N, C-alpha and C. Protein backbone atom coordinates (compact mmCIF):
# COMPACT_ATOMS: atom_id res chain seq x y z
N MET A 1 79.88 119.59 123.96
CA MET A 1 80.72 120.68 123.47
C MET A 1 82.09 120.62 124.17
N ALA A 2 83.12 120.64 123.40
CA ALA A 2 84.46 120.57 123.98
C ALA A 2 84.78 121.85 124.74
N ASP A 3 85.40 121.70 125.93
CA ASP A 3 85.82 122.89 126.66
C ASP A 3 87.18 123.34 126.15
N LEU A 4 87.62 124.52 126.63
CA LEU A 4 88.86 125.11 126.10
C LEU A 4 90.08 124.24 126.39
N SER A 5 90.13 123.64 127.57
CA SER A 5 91.30 122.82 127.89
C SER A 5 91.39 121.61 126.98
N GLU A 6 90.24 121.03 126.64
CA GLU A 6 90.24 119.89 125.73
C GLU A 6 90.66 120.31 124.33
N LEU A 7 90.15 121.45 123.87
CA LEU A 7 90.53 121.95 122.55
C LEU A 7 92.03 122.24 122.49
N LYS A 8 92.57 122.86 123.53
CA LYS A 8 94.00 123.16 123.55
C LYS A 8 94.84 121.89 123.50
N SER A 9 94.42 120.87 124.25
CA SER A 9 95.16 119.61 124.26
C SER A 9 95.12 118.94 122.89
N LYS A 10 93.94 118.94 122.27
CA LYS A 10 93.82 118.31 120.94
C LYS A 10 94.62 119.06 119.89
N LEU A 11 94.67 120.41 120.01
CA LEU A 11 95.48 121.17 119.07
C LEU A 11 96.96 120.85 119.23
N ALA A 12 97.42 120.76 120.48
CA ALA A 12 98.83 120.41 120.70
C ALA A 12 99.13 119.02 120.18
N MET A 13 98.25 118.07 120.45
CA MET A 13 98.45 116.71 119.96
C MET A 13 98.47 116.68 118.44
N SER A 14 97.49 117.34 117.82
CA SER A 14 97.39 117.27 116.37
C SER A 14 98.57 117.96 115.69
N SER A 15 99.10 119.03 116.30
CA SER A 15 100.28 119.68 115.73
C SER A 15 101.46 118.72 115.73
N ARG A 16 101.68 118.05 116.82
CA ARG A 16 102.79 117.10 116.90
C ARG A 16 102.59 115.94 115.93
N MET A 17 101.33 115.53 115.79
CA MET A 17 101.01 114.44 114.87
C MET A 17 101.22 114.87 113.41
N LEU A 18 100.82 116.09 113.08
CA LEU A 18 101.04 116.60 111.73
C LEU A 18 102.54 116.72 111.43
N PHE A 19 103.31 117.13 112.43
CA PHE A 19 104.77 117.18 112.27
C PHE A 19 105.33 115.79 112.05
N ASN A 20 104.89 114.85 112.85
CA ASN A 20 105.39 113.48 112.73
C ASN A 20 105.03 112.86 111.38
N ALA A 21 103.90 113.30 110.82
CA ALA A 21 103.46 112.79 109.52
C ALA A 21 104.10 113.54 108.35
N GLY A 22 104.92 114.56 108.65
CA GLY A 22 105.58 115.32 107.60
C GLY A 22 104.68 116.31 106.88
N LEU A 23 103.58 116.71 107.52
CA LEU A 23 102.62 117.60 106.88
C LEU A 23 102.79 119.06 107.29
N VAL A 24 103.50 119.32 108.37
CA VAL A 24 103.96 120.66 108.73
C VAL A 24 105.45 120.55 109.06
N ASP A 25 106.13 121.69 109.00
CA ASP A 25 107.55 121.70 109.36
C ASP A 25 107.76 122.77 110.43
N TYR A 26 108.65 123.72 110.21
CA TYR A 26 108.80 124.81 111.17
C TYR A 26 107.65 125.80 111.08
N SER A 27 106.86 125.69 110.03
CA SER A 27 105.65 126.47 109.86
C SER A 27 104.48 125.53 109.59
N GLY A 28 103.31 126.11 109.42
CA GLY A 28 102.08 125.33 109.32
C GLY A 28 101.41 125.33 110.68
N HIS A 29 100.08 125.24 110.69
CA HIS A 29 99.36 125.38 111.95
C HIS A 29 97.96 124.81 111.85
N ILE A 30 97.41 124.49 113.00
CA ILE A 30 96.03 124.01 113.09
C ILE A 30 95.33 124.84 114.16
N SER A 31 94.04 125.07 113.96
CA SER A 31 93.27 125.92 114.86
C SER A 31 91.90 125.31 115.13
N ALA A 32 91.18 125.90 116.07
CA ALA A 32 89.82 125.47 116.38
C ALA A 32 88.98 126.69 116.73
N ARG A 33 87.74 126.69 116.28
CA ARG A 33 86.78 127.72 116.68
C ARG A 33 86.45 127.54 118.16
N ILE A 34 86.41 128.62 118.91
CA ILE A 34 85.94 128.56 120.29
C ILE A 34 84.42 128.61 120.24
N PRO A 35 83.75 127.54 120.68
CA PRO A 35 82.30 127.46 120.53
C PRO A 35 81.57 128.65 121.14
N GLY A 36 80.58 129.14 120.43
CA GLY A 36 79.75 130.22 120.94
C GLY A 36 80.39 131.58 120.92
N SER A 37 81.47 131.75 120.13
CA SER A 37 82.16 133.04 120.11
C SER A 37 82.65 133.34 118.70
N ASP A 38 83.19 134.55 118.53
CA ASP A 38 83.84 134.89 117.27
C ASP A 38 85.35 134.90 117.45
N HIS A 39 85.84 133.92 118.22
CA HIS A 39 87.27 133.77 118.50
C HIS A 39 87.73 132.37 118.12
N LEU A 40 89.05 132.24 117.96
CA LEU A 40 89.63 130.95 117.64
C LEU A 40 90.89 130.72 118.46
N LEU A 41 91.20 129.45 118.66
CA LEU A 41 92.46 129.02 119.29
C LEU A 41 93.40 128.58 118.18
N ILE A 42 94.67 128.98 118.29
CA ILE A 42 95.63 128.62 117.25
C ILE A 42 97.03 128.48 117.84
N LEU A 43 97.87 127.72 117.16
CA LEU A 43 99.26 127.58 117.58
C LEU A 43 99.96 128.92 117.53
N PRO A 44 100.89 129.19 118.42
CA PRO A 44 101.63 130.46 118.40
C PRO A 44 102.73 130.47 117.34
N HIS A 45 103.20 131.65 117.04
CA HIS A 45 104.22 131.83 116.00
C HIS A 45 105.56 131.16 116.33
N PRO A 46 106.16 131.40 117.52
CA PRO A 46 107.57 131.01 117.68
C PRO A 46 107.82 129.59 118.17
N VAL A 47 106.78 128.88 118.63
CA VAL A 47 106.98 127.59 119.28
C VAL A 47 107.02 126.46 118.25
N SER A 48 107.96 125.52 118.43
CA SER A 48 108.08 124.40 117.50
C SER A 48 106.78 123.62 117.39
N ARG A 49 106.41 123.28 116.17
CA ARG A 49 105.21 122.47 115.95
C ARG A 49 105.36 121.07 116.53
N ALA A 50 106.59 120.65 116.78
CA ALA A 50 106.85 119.33 117.34
C ALA A 50 106.82 119.31 118.86
N LEU A 51 106.82 120.50 119.49
CA LEU A 51 106.93 120.58 120.94
C LEU A 51 105.84 121.42 121.58
N VAL A 52 104.94 121.99 120.79
CA VAL A 52 103.94 122.90 121.32
C VAL A 52 103.08 122.22 122.40
N LYS A 53 102.74 123.00 123.43
CA LYS A 53 101.95 122.49 124.55
C LYS A 53 100.58 123.18 124.59
N PRO A 54 99.62 122.58 125.29
CA PRO A 54 98.29 123.18 125.35
C PRO A 54 98.29 124.63 125.81
N ASP A 55 99.10 124.95 126.82
CA ASP A 55 99.10 126.30 127.37
C ASP A 55 99.77 127.32 126.45
N ASP A 56 100.41 126.86 125.38
CA ASP A 56 101.03 127.79 124.43
C ASP A 56 100.02 128.43 123.48
N MET A 57 98.81 127.85 123.39
CA MET A 57 97.84 128.32 122.40
C MET A 57 97.45 129.77 122.65
N VAL A 58 97.16 130.47 121.56
CA VAL A 58 96.73 131.86 121.66
C VAL A 58 95.32 131.99 121.09
N VAL A 59 94.66 133.08 121.47
CA VAL A 59 93.29 133.37 121.03
C VAL A 59 93.32 134.60 120.15
N THR A 60 92.65 134.53 119.00
CA THR A 60 92.46 135.71 118.16
C THR A 60 90.99 135.84 117.80
N ASP A 61 90.63 137.01 117.27
CA ASP A 61 89.29 137.15 116.72
C ASP A 61 89.30 136.81 115.24
N PHE A 62 88.16 136.98 114.58
CA PHE A 62 88.06 136.59 113.17
C PHE A 62 88.64 137.62 112.22
N ASP A 63 89.23 138.67 112.78
CA ASP A 63 90.04 139.60 111.99
C ASP A 63 91.53 139.35 112.19
N GLY A 64 91.86 138.30 112.95
CA GLY A 64 93.25 137.95 113.20
C GLY A 64 93.91 138.72 114.31
N LYS A 65 93.13 139.50 115.07
CA LYS A 65 93.69 140.31 116.17
C LYS A 65 93.91 139.44 117.40
N LEU A 66 95.10 139.54 117.99
CA LEU A 66 95.41 138.77 119.20
C LEU A 66 94.56 139.23 120.37
N ILE A 67 93.88 138.30 121.00
CA ILE A 67 93.01 138.59 122.15
C ILE A 67 93.66 138.13 123.45
N GLU A 68 94.32 136.97 123.38
CA GLU A 68 94.88 136.38 124.60
C GLU A 68 96.03 135.47 124.24
N GLY A 69 97.08 135.47 125.09
CA GLY A 69 98.20 134.55 124.88
C GLY A 69 99.52 135.23 125.13
N LYS A 70 100.53 134.42 125.46
CA LYS A 70 101.86 134.95 125.78
C LYS A 70 102.75 135.07 124.55
N TYR A 71 102.26 134.58 123.39
CA TYR A 71 103.03 134.65 122.16
C TYR A 71 102.22 135.36 121.08
N LYS A 72 102.87 135.66 119.96
CA LYS A 72 102.18 136.16 118.78
C LYS A 72 101.45 135.02 118.08
N ALA A 73 100.37 135.38 117.39
CA ALA A 73 99.72 134.41 116.51
C ALA A 73 100.59 134.21 115.28
N PRO A 74 100.46 133.09 114.58
CA PRO A 74 101.22 132.92 113.36
C PRO A 74 100.86 133.98 112.34
N SER A 75 101.80 134.33 111.48
CA SER A 75 101.59 135.43 110.54
C SER A 75 100.46 135.15 109.56
N GLU A 76 100.18 133.87 109.31
CA GLU A 76 99.11 133.52 108.39
C GLU A 76 97.80 133.17 109.11
N VAL A 77 97.60 133.74 110.29
CA VAL A 77 96.37 133.52 111.03
C VAL A 77 95.14 133.93 110.23
N PHE A 78 95.30 134.85 109.30
CA PHE A 78 94.16 135.35 108.51
C PHE A 78 93.52 134.25 107.66
N MET A 79 94.32 133.26 107.27
CA MET A 79 93.77 132.14 106.53
C MET A 79 92.72 131.41 107.36
N HIS A 80 93.03 131.21 108.64
CA HIS A 80 92.11 130.55 109.55
C HIS A 80 90.92 131.46 109.88
N ALA A 81 91.24 132.68 110.31
CA ALA A 81 90.22 133.59 110.82
C ALA A 81 89.12 133.85 109.81
N ARG A 82 89.52 134.06 108.56
CA ARG A 82 88.52 134.43 107.56
C ARG A 82 87.73 133.21 107.07
N ALA A 83 88.31 132.01 107.19
CA ALA A 83 87.54 130.80 106.89
C ALA A 83 86.40 130.65 107.89
N TYR A 84 86.70 130.86 109.18
CA TYR A 84 85.65 130.80 110.20
C TYR A 84 84.61 131.90 109.97
N LYS A 85 85.08 133.07 109.59
CA LYS A 85 84.17 134.19 109.34
C LYS A 85 83.22 133.88 108.18
N ALA A 86 83.74 133.21 107.15
CA ALA A 86 82.96 132.95 105.95
C ALA A 86 81.96 131.80 106.12
N ARG A 87 82.30 130.82 106.97
CA ARG A 87 81.47 129.62 107.07
C ARG A 87 81.27 129.18 108.51
N ALA A 88 80.01 129.24 108.95
CA ALA A 88 79.70 128.89 110.33
C ALA A 88 79.87 127.40 110.61
N ASP A 89 79.90 126.57 109.56
CA ASP A 89 80.02 125.13 109.75
C ASP A 89 81.44 124.70 110.07
N ILE A 90 82.41 125.54 109.80
CA ILE A 90 83.82 125.17 110.02
C ILE A 90 84.15 125.28 111.50
N GLN A 91 84.66 124.19 112.07
CA GLN A 91 85.04 124.16 113.48
C GLN A 91 86.55 124.02 113.69
N SER A 92 87.28 123.64 112.64
CA SER A 92 88.72 123.50 112.74
C SER A 92 89.33 123.75 111.36
N VAL A 93 90.54 124.31 111.36
CA VAL A 93 91.25 124.64 110.12
C VAL A 93 92.71 124.23 110.28
N ALA A 94 93.28 123.62 109.25
CA ALA A 94 94.71 123.32 109.23
C ALA A 94 95.34 123.92 107.99
N HIS A 95 96.50 124.54 108.17
CA HIS A 95 97.30 124.99 107.03
C HIS A 95 98.55 124.12 106.99
N LEU A 96 98.72 123.40 105.87
CA LEU A 96 99.80 122.43 105.74
C LEU A 96 100.84 122.87 104.73
N HIS A 97 102.06 122.42 104.95
CA HIS A 97 103.11 122.49 103.95
C HIS A 97 103.34 121.06 103.46
N ASN A 98 102.31 120.49 102.84
CA ASN A 98 102.36 119.10 102.39
C ASN A 98 103.00 119.03 101.01
N HIS A 99 104.11 118.31 100.93
CA HIS A 99 105.00 118.38 99.77
C HIS A 99 104.34 117.94 98.47
N MET A 100 103.61 116.82 98.50
CA MET A 100 103.06 116.32 97.25
C MET A 100 101.92 117.18 96.76
N VAL A 101 101.10 117.69 97.68
CA VAL A 101 100.03 118.62 97.27
C VAL A 101 100.64 119.86 96.65
N ALA A 102 101.67 120.42 97.28
CA ALA A 102 102.32 121.61 96.72
C ALA A 102 102.90 121.31 95.35
N THR A 103 103.47 120.13 95.18
CA THR A 103 104.03 119.75 93.88
C THR A 103 102.96 119.75 92.79
N LEU A 104 101.77 119.24 93.11
CA LEU A 104 100.70 119.18 92.12
C LEU A 104 100.20 120.57 91.72
N THR A 105 100.41 121.57 92.57
CA THR A 105 100.00 122.93 92.21
C THR A 105 100.97 123.58 91.24
N MET A 106 102.12 122.96 91.02
CA MET A 106 103.18 123.57 90.21
C MET A 106 103.07 123.24 88.72
N VAL A 107 102.05 122.47 88.37
CA VAL A 107 101.80 122.15 86.96
C VAL A 107 100.38 122.57 86.62
N ASP A 108 100.14 122.82 85.35
CA ASP A 108 98.83 123.30 84.91
C ASP A 108 97.92 122.12 84.57
N LYS A 109 97.68 121.28 85.60
CA LYS A 109 96.80 120.13 85.45
C LYS A 109 95.96 120.01 86.72
N PRO A 110 94.68 119.74 86.58
CA PRO A 110 93.83 119.61 87.77
C PRO A 110 94.14 118.34 88.55
N PHE A 111 93.93 118.40 89.85
CA PHE A 111 94.10 117.26 90.74
C PHE A 111 92.72 116.75 91.13
N TYR A 112 92.42 115.51 90.75
CA TYR A 112 91.16 114.86 91.09
C TYR A 112 91.41 113.91 92.26
N PRO A 113 91.10 114.30 93.47
CA PRO A 113 91.37 113.41 94.61
C PRO A 113 90.65 112.06 94.51
N ALA A 114 89.43 112.08 93.97
CA ALA A 114 88.64 110.85 93.94
C ALA A 114 89.09 109.92 92.81
N SER A 115 90.38 109.64 92.81
CA SER A 115 90.94 108.60 91.95
C SER A 115 91.60 107.53 92.81
N SER A 116 91.44 107.67 94.14
CA SER A 116 91.88 106.67 95.11
C SER A 116 90.95 106.77 96.32
N ASN A 117 90.94 105.74 97.15
CA ASN A 117 90.03 105.75 98.29
C ASN A 117 90.28 106.88 99.28
N PRO A 118 91.54 107.17 99.64
CA PRO A 118 91.73 108.32 100.53
C PRO A 118 91.22 109.63 99.93
N GLY A 119 91.41 109.82 98.63
CA GLY A 119 90.98 111.05 97.99
C GLY A 119 89.48 111.19 97.88
N ALA A 120 88.76 110.05 97.88
CA ALA A 120 87.31 110.12 97.81
C ALA A 120 86.71 110.82 99.02
N PHE A 121 87.48 110.94 100.09
CA PHE A 121 87.08 111.73 101.26
C PHE A 121 86.57 113.11 100.84
N PHE A 122 87.16 113.68 99.78
CA PHE A 122 86.88 115.05 99.37
C PHE A 122 85.81 115.17 98.30
N GLY A 123 85.22 114.05 97.89
CA GLY A 123 84.13 114.10 96.95
C GLY A 123 84.58 114.25 95.51
N PRO A 124 83.62 114.46 94.60
CA PRO A 124 83.92 114.50 93.17
C PRO A 124 84.55 115.82 92.74
N GLY A 125 85.15 115.78 91.55
CA GLY A 125 85.67 117.00 90.94
C GLY A 125 87.09 117.32 91.34
N PRO A 126 87.70 118.29 90.65
CA PRO A 126 89.07 118.71 90.98
C PRO A 126 89.10 119.56 92.23
N LEU A 127 90.20 119.50 92.95
CA LEU A 127 90.37 120.34 94.13
C LEU A 127 90.66 121.77 93.69
N PRO A 128 90.03 122.77 94.33
CA PRO A 128 90.29 124.15 93.93
C PRO A 128 91.70 124.60 94.29
N VAL A 129 92.20 125.59 93.56
CA VAL A 129 93.55 126.11 93.77
C VAL A 129 93.48 127.62 93.98
N TYR A 130 94.08 128.10 95.06
CA TYR A 130 94.30 129.53 95.27
C TYR A 130 95.62 129.84 94.57
N LYS A 131 95.58 130.69 93.56
CA LYS A 131 96.70 130.77 92.63
C LYS A 131 97.78 131.78 92.97
N ASP A 132 97.56 132.63 93.95
CA ASP A 132 98.60 133.58 94.35
C ASP A 132 99.57 132.88 95.31
N PRO A 133 100.86 132.76 94.95
CA PRO A 133 101.79 132.03 95.82
C PRO A 133 102.26 132.81 97.05
N ALA A 134 101.91 134.08 97.15
CA ALA A 134 102.37 134.89 98.29
C ALA A 134 101.78 134.37 99.59
N LEU A 135 102.50 134.56 100.70
CA LEU A 135 101.99 134.18 102.01
C LEU A 135 100.77 135.01 102.36
N ILE A 136 99.90 134.44 103.22
CA ILE A 136 98.60 135.04 103.53
C ILE A 136 98.74 135.92 104.77
N HIS A 137 98.99 137.21 104.57
CA HIS A 137 99.33 138.10 105.67
C HIS A 137 98.31 139.21 105.89
N THR A 138 97.19 139.19 105.17
CA THR A 138 96.18 140.25 105.32
C THR A 138 94.78 139.65 105.36
N ILE A 139 93.84 140.43 105.86
CA ILE A 139 92.44 140.03 105.85
C ILE A 139 91.97 139.79 104.42
N GLU A 140 92.36 140.67 103.52
CA GLU A 140 91.93 140.54 102.12
C GLU A 140 92.42 139.23 101.51
N GLN A 141 93.66 138.86 101.78
CA GLN A 141 94.17 137.59 101.27
C GLN A 141 93.42 136.41 101.91
N GLY A 142 93.16 136.51 103.21
CA GLY A 142 92.40 135.46 103.88
C GLY A 142 91.02 135.29 103.28
N ASP A 143 90.36 136.41 102.95
CA ASP A 143 89.05 136.34 102.30
C ASP A 143 89.15 135.68 100.93
N ALA A 144 90.23 135.97 100.22
CA ALA A 144 90.42 135.38 98.89
C ALA A 144 90.62 133.88 98.97
N VAL A 145 91.35 133.41 99.98
CA VAL A 145 91.53 131.97 100.18
C VAL A 145 90.19 131.32 100.51
N ALA A 146 89.41 131.97 101.40
CA ALA A 146 88.10 131.43 101.76
C ALA A 146 87.18 131.36 100.55
N LYS A 147 87.27 132.35 99.67
CA LYS A 147 86.47 132.34 98.44
C LYS A 147 86.88 131.19 97.54
N ALA A 148 88.19 130.95 97.42
CA ALA A 148 88.67 129.84 96.60
C ALA A 148 88.23 128.50 97.19
N LEU A 149 88.21 128.40 98.51
CA LEU A 149 87.76 127.19 99.19
C LEU A 149 86.30 126.91 98.87
N GLY A 150 85.47 127.96 98.86
CA GLY A 150 84.05 127.79 98.63
C GLY A 150 83.40 126.94 99.70
N LYS A 151 82.60 125.98 99.28
CA LYS A 151 81.90 125.10 100.22
C LYS A 151 82.64 123.78 100.43
N GLY A 152 83.85 123.69 99.91
CA GLY A 152 84.59 122.44 99.98
C GLY A 152 85.32 122.23 101.29
N ASP A 153 86.10 121.14 101.32
CA ASP A 153 86.83 120.74 102.52
C ASP A 153 88.31 121.09 102.46
N ALA A 154 88.80 121.46 101.28
CA ALA A 154 90.23 121.77 101.15
C ALA A 154 90.45 122.64 99.93
N VAL A 155 91.51 123.44 100.00
CA VAL A 155 91.95 124.24 98.87
C VAL A 155 93.47 124.14 98.80
N MET A 156 94.01 123.97 97.60
CA MET A 156 95.45 123.93 97.42
C MET A 156 95.97 125.36 97.25
N LEU A 157 97.14 125.61 97.78
CA LEU A 157 97.79 126.92 97.70
C LEU A 157 98.99 126.79 96.78
N ARG A 158 98.96 127.47 95.67
CA ARG A 158 99.96 127.28 94.62
C ARG A 158 101.39 127.46 95.12
N GLY A 159 102.20 126.43 94.93
CA GLY A 159 103.60 126.45 95.31
C GLY A 159 103.84 126.54 96.81
N HIS A 160 102.82 126.26 97.60
CA HIS A 160 102.84 126.60 99.03
C HIS A 160 102.40 125.42 99.89
N GLY A 161 101.21 124.88 99.61
CA GLY A 161 100.68 123.80 100.44
C GLY A 161 99.18 123.72 100.30
N SER A 162 98.47 123.73 101.43
CA SER A 162 97.02 123.61 101.37
C SER A 162 96.38 124.13 102.66
N MET A 163 95.07 124.32 102.60
CA MET A 163 94.25 124.57 103.77
C MET A 163 93.14 123.53 103.78
N VAL A 164 92.93 122.92 104.94
CA VAL A 164 91.92 121.88 105.11
C VAL A 164 90.99 122.32 106.24
N VAL A 165 89.68 122.16 106.05
CA VAL A 165 88.71 122.60 107.05
C VAL A 165 87.77 121.45 107.38
N GLY A 166 87.09 121.57 108.53
CA GLY A 166 86.14 120.53 108.88
C GLY A 166 85.40 120.79 110.16
N GLN A 167 84.68 119.77 110.59
CA GLN A 167 83.72 119.88 111.67
C GLN A 167 84.31 119.60 113.05
N ALA A 168 85.56 119.17 113.11
CA ALA A 168 86.21 118.88 114.38
C ALA A 168 87.70 118.70 114.12
N ILE A 169 88.51 118.82 115.17
CA ILE A 169 89.95 118.69 115.02
C ILE A 169 90.31 117.31 114.49
N GLU A 170 89.69 116.26 115.04
CA GLU A 170 90.00 114.91 114.59
C GLU A 170 89.64 114.74 113.11
N TRP A 171 88.52 115.31 112.72
CA TRP A 171 88.06 115.21 111.33
C TRP A 171 89.04 115.89 110.39
N VAL A 172 89.49 117.08 110.77
CA VAL A 172 90.45 117.81 109.94
C VAL A 172 91.77 117.05 109.86
N PHE A 173 92.22 116.50 110.97
CA PHE A 173 93.47 115.74 110.94
C PHE A 173 93.37 114.57 109.96
N ALA A 174 92.29 113.81 110.03
CA ALA A 174 92.12 112.69 109.11
C ALA A 174 92.10 113.16 107.66
N ALA A 175 91.46 114.28 107.41
CA ALA A 175 91.42 114.83 106.06
C ALA A 175 92.81 115.23 105.59
N CYS A 176 93.61 115.79 106.48
CA CYS A 176 94.99 116.16 106.12
C CYS A 176 95.79 114.94 105.69
N VAL A 177 95.67 113.86 106.44
CA VAL A 177 96.38 112.62 106.11
C VAL A 177 95.91 112.09 104.76
N ASP A 178 94.59 112.05 104.57
CA ASP A 178 94.05 111.51 103.32
C ASP A 178 94.42 112.37 102.12
N LEU A 179 94.47 113.69 102.30
CA LEU A 179 94.79 114.58 101.19
C LEU A 179 96.19 114.32 100.65
N GLU A 180 97.16 114.24 101.53
CA GLU A 180 98.54 114.02 101.07
C GLU A 180 98.71 112.63 100.47
N GLU A 181 98.05 111.64 101.05
CA GLU A 181 98.12 110.28 100.50
C GLU A 181 97.49 110.25 99.10
N ALA A 182 96.36 110.93 98.94
CA ALA A 182 95.70 110.97 97.64
C ALA A 182 96.57 111.68 96.61
N ALA A 183 97.21 112.77 97.01
CA ALA A 183 98.08 113.50 96.10
C ALA A 183 99.27 112.65 95.67
N SER A 184 99.84 111.90 96.61
CA SER A 184 100.98 111.04 96.30
C SER A 184 100.58 109.94 95.32
N ARG A 185 99.42 109.33 95.55
CA ARG A 185 98.96 108.27 94.64
C ARG A 185 98.65 108.84 93.26
N PHE A 186 98.04 110.03 93.23
CA PHE A 186 97.69 110.65 91.96
C PHE A 186 98.94 110.93 91.15
N TYR A 187 99.96 111.47 91.81
CA TYR A 187 101.22 111.75 91.11
C TYR A 187 101.85 110.48 90.56
N GLN A 188 101.94 109.46 91.39
CA GLN A 188 102.56 108.21 90.97
C GLN A 188 101.80 107.57 89.81
N ALA A 189 100.48 107.62 89.87
CA ALA A 189 99.69 107.05 88.79
C ALA A 189 99.86 107.84 87.50
N SER A 190 99.97 109.17 87.61
CA SER A 190 100.08 110.01 86.42
C SER A 190 101.39 109.77 85.67
N VAL A 191 102.40 109.28 86.38
CA VAL A 191 103.67 108.94 85.72
C VAL A 191 103.49 107.71 84.82
N LEU A 192 102.59 106.83 85.22
CA LEU A 192 102.37 105.59 84.48
C LEU A 192 101.45 105.78 83.29
N GLY A 193 100.53 106.75 83.39
CA GLY A 193 99.59 106.96 82.30
C GLY A 193 98.43 107.82 82.75
N PRO A 194 97.39 107.94 81.93
CA PRO A 194 96.22 108.73 82.32
C PRO A 194 95.58 108.17 83.60
N VAL A 195 95.23 109.05 84.52
CA VAL A 195 94.66 108.63 85.80
C VAL A 195 93.17 108.32 85.62
N LEU A 196 92.72 107.21 86.16
CA LEU A 196 91.32 106.81 86.09
C LEU A 196 90.59 107.37 87.31
N VAL A 197 89.78 108.37 87.08
CA VAL A 197 89.04 109.03 88.16
C VAL A 197 87.75 108.26 88.43
N TYR A 198 87.38 108.12 89.70
CA TYR A 198 86.14 107.43 90.06
C TYR A 198 84.94 108.15 89.44
N ASN A 199 83.95 107.39 89.01
CA ASN A 199 82.70 108.02 88.55
C ASN A 199 81.89 108.47 89.76
N ASP A 200 80.78 109.13 89.53
CA ASP A 200 80.01 109.72 90.63
C ASP A 200 79.53 108.67 91.62
N ASP A 201 79.05 107.53 91.11
CA ASP A 201 78.57 106.48 92.00
C ASP A 201 79.70 105.92 92.84
N GLU A 202 80.83 105.64 92.23
CA GLU A 202 81.99 105.13 92.96
C GLU A 202 82.46 106.13 94.01
N THR A 203 82.52 107.39 93.62
CA THR A 203 82.97 108.43 94.55
C THR A 203 82.06 108.51 95.76
N GLN A 204 80.76 108.53 95.53
CA GLN A 204 79.81 108.67 96.65
C GLN A 204 79.88 107.48 97.60
N ARG A 205 79.99 106.27 97.04
CA ARG A 205 80.03 105.09 97.90
C ARG A 205 81.31 105.03 98.73
N VAL A 206 82.44 105.33 98.11
CA VAL A 206 83.71 105.31 98.84
C VAL A 206 83.77 106.47 99.82
N MET A 207 83.28 107.64 99.42
CA MET A 207 83.29 108.81 100.30
C MET A 207 82.50 108.56 101.57
N GLN A 208 81.33 107.95 101.45
CA GLN A 208 80.51 107.68 102.62
C GLN A 208 81.23 106.81 103.63
N GLY A 209 81.96 105.82 103.13
CA GLY A 209 82.72 104.97 104.04
C GLY A 209 83.91 105.68 104.64
N ARG A 210 84.58 106.50 103.84
CA ARG A 210 85.80 107.17 104.30
C ARG A 210 85.50 108.23 105.35
N ARG A 211 84.32 108.84 105.30
CA ARG A 211 83.99 109.94 106.20
C ARG A 211 83.24 109.48 107.46
N LYS A 212 83.14 108.19 107.67
CA LYS A 212 82.51 107.69 108.89
C LYS A 212 83.31 108.13 110.12
N ASP A 213 82.60 108.43 111.20
CA ASP A 213 83.28 108.82 112.44
C ASP A 213 84.25 107.74 112.90
N SER A 214 83.87 106.48 112.71
CA SER A 214 84.74 105.39 113.17
C SER A 214 86.05 105.35 112.39
N VAL A 215 86.01 105.68 111.09
CA VAL A 215 87.22 105.71 110.27
C VAL A 215 88.09 106.89 110.65
N VAL A 216 87.46 108.06 110.84
CA VAL A 216 88.20 109.25 111.28
C VAL A 216 88.90 108.97 112.60
N GLN A 217 88.18 108.34 113.54
CA GLN A 217 88.77 108.05 114.84
C GLN A 217 89.92 107.04 114.72
N LYS A 218 89.78 106.08 113.81
CA LYS A 218 90.84 105.10 113.60
C LYS A 218 92.12 105.76 113.10
N ILE A 219 91.98 106.70 112.16
CA ILE A 219 93.14 107.44 111.65
C ILE A 219 93.77 108.26 112.77
N TRP A 220 92.94 108.91 113.57
CA TRP A 220 93.44 109.71 114.70
C TRP A 220 94.20 108.83 115.69
N ASP A 221 93.57 107.73 116.11
CA ASP A 221 94.18 106.86 117.11
C ASP A 221 95.49 106.26 116.60
N HIS A 222 95.54 105.87 115.34
CA HIS A 222 96.76 105.31 114.76
C HIS A 222 97.90 106.33 114.82
N ASN A 223 97.59 107.58 114.50
CA ASN A 223 98.63 108.61 114.50
C ASN A 223 99.01 109.06 115.90
N VAL A 224 98.09 108.98 116.85
CA VAL A 224 98.46 109.20 118.25
C VAL A 224 99.50 108.16 118.66
N ALA A 225 99.24 106.90 118.32
CA ALA A 225 100.18 105.82 118.68
C ALA A 225 101.53 106.00 117.99
N LYS A 226 101.53 106.35 116.69
CA LYS A 226 102.77 106.57 115.97
C LYS A 226 103.59 107.70 116.58
N THR A 227 102.90 108.76 116.96
CA THR A 227 103.59 109.93 117.50
C THR A 227 104.14 109.65 118.89
N LYS A 228 103.42 108.85 119.67
CA LYS A 228 103.93 108.42 120.96
C LYS A 228 105.18 107.57 120.78
N LEU A 229 105.16 106.65 119.83
CA LEU A 229 106.32 105.80 119.57
C LEU A 229 107.52 106.61 119.12
N ALA A 230 107.26 107.74 118.46
CA ALA A 230 108.35 108.62 118.02
C ALA A 230 108.87 109.50 119.16
N GLY A 231 108.23 109.42 120.33
CA GLY A 231 108.66 110.20 121.49
C GLY A 231 108.26 111.65 121.45
N LEU A 232 107.16 111.97 120.74
CA LEU A 232 106.77 113.35 120.56
C LEU A 232 105.48 113.75 121.27
N MET A 233 105.04 112.94 122.22
CA MET A 233 103.80 113.27 122.92
C MET A 233 104.01 113.64 124.39
N GLY A 234 105.27 113.79 124.81
CA GLY A 234 105.53 114.14 126.20
C GLY A 234 105.06 115.53 126.57
N GLY A 235 104.53 115.69 127.76
CA GLY A 235 104.13 117.00 128.25
C GLY A 235 102.73 117.43 127.91
N ILE A 236 101.95 116.53 127.28
CA ILE A 236 100.55 116.84 126.97
C ILE A 236 99.65 116.04 127.91
C-alpha cells in the first residue's frame, strides 16, 4: 500500500507529466484515494500544474470539503470526490482538458475508442458523454458525472474535456495518454472516410495487451523521461 508521501510525489510527477503532454493547462487535476479512508489527495487550486510539489497537495473528503492543506482544493473537486464515493474500485481520478477529446464532444457522433490500439485500452462500445458543458462545482453535478461514467474507465465532458479513473496513479496516467491518442486517430480517420471499429474479439485481444502492468509502466517511464528532458521535474 502506498504511503502518503509516495502518493503526493506521484501526484506531483503525474501533474507535470500531464502538462508536458498537453493534457492539462492552467486547469485540470489528478487525485488519489487515501487508502483506508473516505479522503482524497488532490492538486491545489492556485499552484501551476507544471510546478506543483508534493507538499502542495491538499486533502478533502468525499463531499469535497477541505480537510487539510495550505491551499484551496480545485473548484471541480466534486468530480473526483463523488467518483470515489460512487465506486470503491477507483483509486485515482484525472480531469483533463484534452483538446481532441473535447473536439469530439462537439459533434453529434459517438466516439469508438476501440478503432485503434491505444483506444482498445477502454474496451468495446462508444465512450459515454456527460452532456452539460457547465463546470462541475456542486455535489449534485459530481454525482451526475459519476452516473454518466458508470462502470467505465472514462467519460467525455461536452465541450470541456474528460474524466479518467483507474486502479492506480500510473494506470490513470497511461489511460489519459491513450485516450487522447485514440481520439486524435479517430478524428483523422473520420476525415478520410467511415472509421473501422474493432470487432469484439479484436478489441478484447488488443485490450488485454494494452492494459498489462508492464505496458502501463512503460508509458509512465517514457513520460517521466520526457518530462525530465523538458526540465519540468525539478524539486520532486
